Amino acid sequence: MALMITDECINCDVCEPECPNDAIYMGEEIYEINPELCTECVGHFETSQCVEVCPVECIPINPERVETREQLMAKYEKLTGNKAE
């Protein structure tokens, strides 16, 4: 379940540095999330860090990228080369 940023984004710049996978980047108008890199912070943190810091709550789960926690953990392991504990 990769996350996505909606057009309610105010470009406040707080989410991008919080992403441990560098999945968040500036798009043409607002920040966007690369679903291939987003693990919802699984493997890194207990909660999605971008969601935690977003002042306008514009980062929901992307309904087009539904993934289980196990799939997110596998993506984390592939991206980082680290095995889950």
Protein backbone atom coordinates (compact mmCIF):
# COMPACT_ATOMS: atom_id res chain seq x y z
CA MET A 1 0.00 0.00 0.00
CA ALA A 2 2.23 2.75 -1.18
CA LEU A 3 1.17 6.17 -0.04
CA MET A 4 0.24 9.07 -2.29
CA ILE A 5 0.12 12.83 -1.91
CA THR A 6 -3.13 14.53 -2.88
CA ASP A 7 -3.58 17.94 -4.47
CA GLU A 8 -4.28 19.33 -0.99
CA CYS A 9 -0.48 19.43 -0.58
CA ILE A 10 0.76 22.92 0.34
CA ASN A 11 4.42 22.22 -0.59
CA CYS A 12 5.58 22.85 2.95
CA ASP A 13 8.69 20.69 2.40
CA VAL A 14 8.43 18.72 5.67
CA CYS A 15 7.68 15.27 4.22
CA GLU A 16 10.55 14.87 1.76
CA PRO A 17 13.43 14.73 4.27
CA GLU A 18 11.49 12.34 6.52
CA CYS A 19 11.31 9.55 3.92
CA PRO A 20 13.96 6.89 4.63
CA ASN A 21 13.63 5.48 1.09
CA ASP A 22 13.85 8.80 -0.77
CA ALA A 23 10.46 8.03 -2.32
CA ILE A 24 9.16 11.60 -2.01
CA TYR A 25 10.14 14.15 -4.63
CA MET A 26 8.92 17.47 -6.01
CA GLY A 27 6.58 16.89 -8.93
CA GLU A 28 5.41 19.47 -11.44
CA GLU A 29 3.11 21.19 -8.93
CA ILE A 30 3.20 19.27 -5.64
CA TYR A 31 5.27 16.64 -3.94
CA GLU A 32 4.77 13.10 -5.20
CA ILE A 33 5.64 9.62 -3.96
CA ASN A 34 7.34 6.98 -6.09
CA PRO A 35 5.30 3.84 -5.26
CA GLU A 36 8.23 1.61 -6.21
CA LEU A 37 10.23 3.10 -3.33
CA CYS A 38 7.47 3.63 -0.75
CA THR A 39 7.27 1.00 1.99
CA GLU A 40 5.10 3.14 4.28
CA CYS A 41 8.22 3.11 6.47
CA VAL A 42 7.81 -0.63 7.12
CA GLY A 43 11.22 -1.89 8.17
CA HIS A 44 12.31 1.57 9.27
CA PHE A 45 9.64 2.89 11.65
CA GLU A 46 6.36 1.84 13.25
CA THR A 47 4.43 4.61 11.47
CA SER A 48 4.74 6.41 8.15
CA GLN A 49 6.95 9.39 8.90
CA CYS A 50 5.58 11.61 6.13
CA VAL A 51 2.05 11.12 7.43
CA GLU A 52 3.22 11.98 10.94
CA VAL A 53 4.69 15.34 9.92
CA CYS A 54 2.16 16.43 7.28
CA PRO A 55 0.29 19.50 8.57
CA VAL A 56 -2.63 19.17 6.13
CA GLU A 57 -3.13 15.39 6.22
CA CYS A 58 -2.84 14.95 2.46
CA ILE A 59 -0.98 11.61 2.40
CA PRO A 60 -3.44 8.70 2.22
CA ILE A 61 -2.88 5.13 1.07
CA ASN A 62 -2.82 4.87 -2.71
CA PRO A 63 -5.83 2.68 -3.64
CA GLU A 64 -4.07 1.66 -6.85
CA ARG A 65 -1.08 0.23 -4.93
CA VAL A 66 -2.54 -2.09 -2.31
CA GLU A 67 0.24 -4.13 -0.68
CA THR A 68 0.31 -6.30 2.44
CA ARG A 69 2.72 -5.68 5.30
CA GLU A 70 4.67 -8.72 4.08
CA GLN A 71 4.95 -7.25 0.58
CA LEU A 72 6.09 -3.93 2.03
CA MET A 73 8.69 -5.75 4.13
CA ALA A 74 9.94 -7.61 1.06
CA LYS A 75 10.23 -4.29 -0.78
CA TYR A 76 12.14 -2.84 2.21
CA GLU A 77 14.55 -5.79 2.14
CA LYS A 78 15.08 -5.42 -1.62
CA LEU A 79 15.65 -1.66 -1.38
CA THR A 80 17.99 -1.74 1.60
CA GLY A 81 19.64 -5.14 1.36
CA ASN A 82 18.70 -5.63 5.02
CA LYS A 83 16.83 -8.68 6.26
CA ALA A 84 13.89 -8.01 8.56
CA GLU A 85 14.35 -8.99 12.16
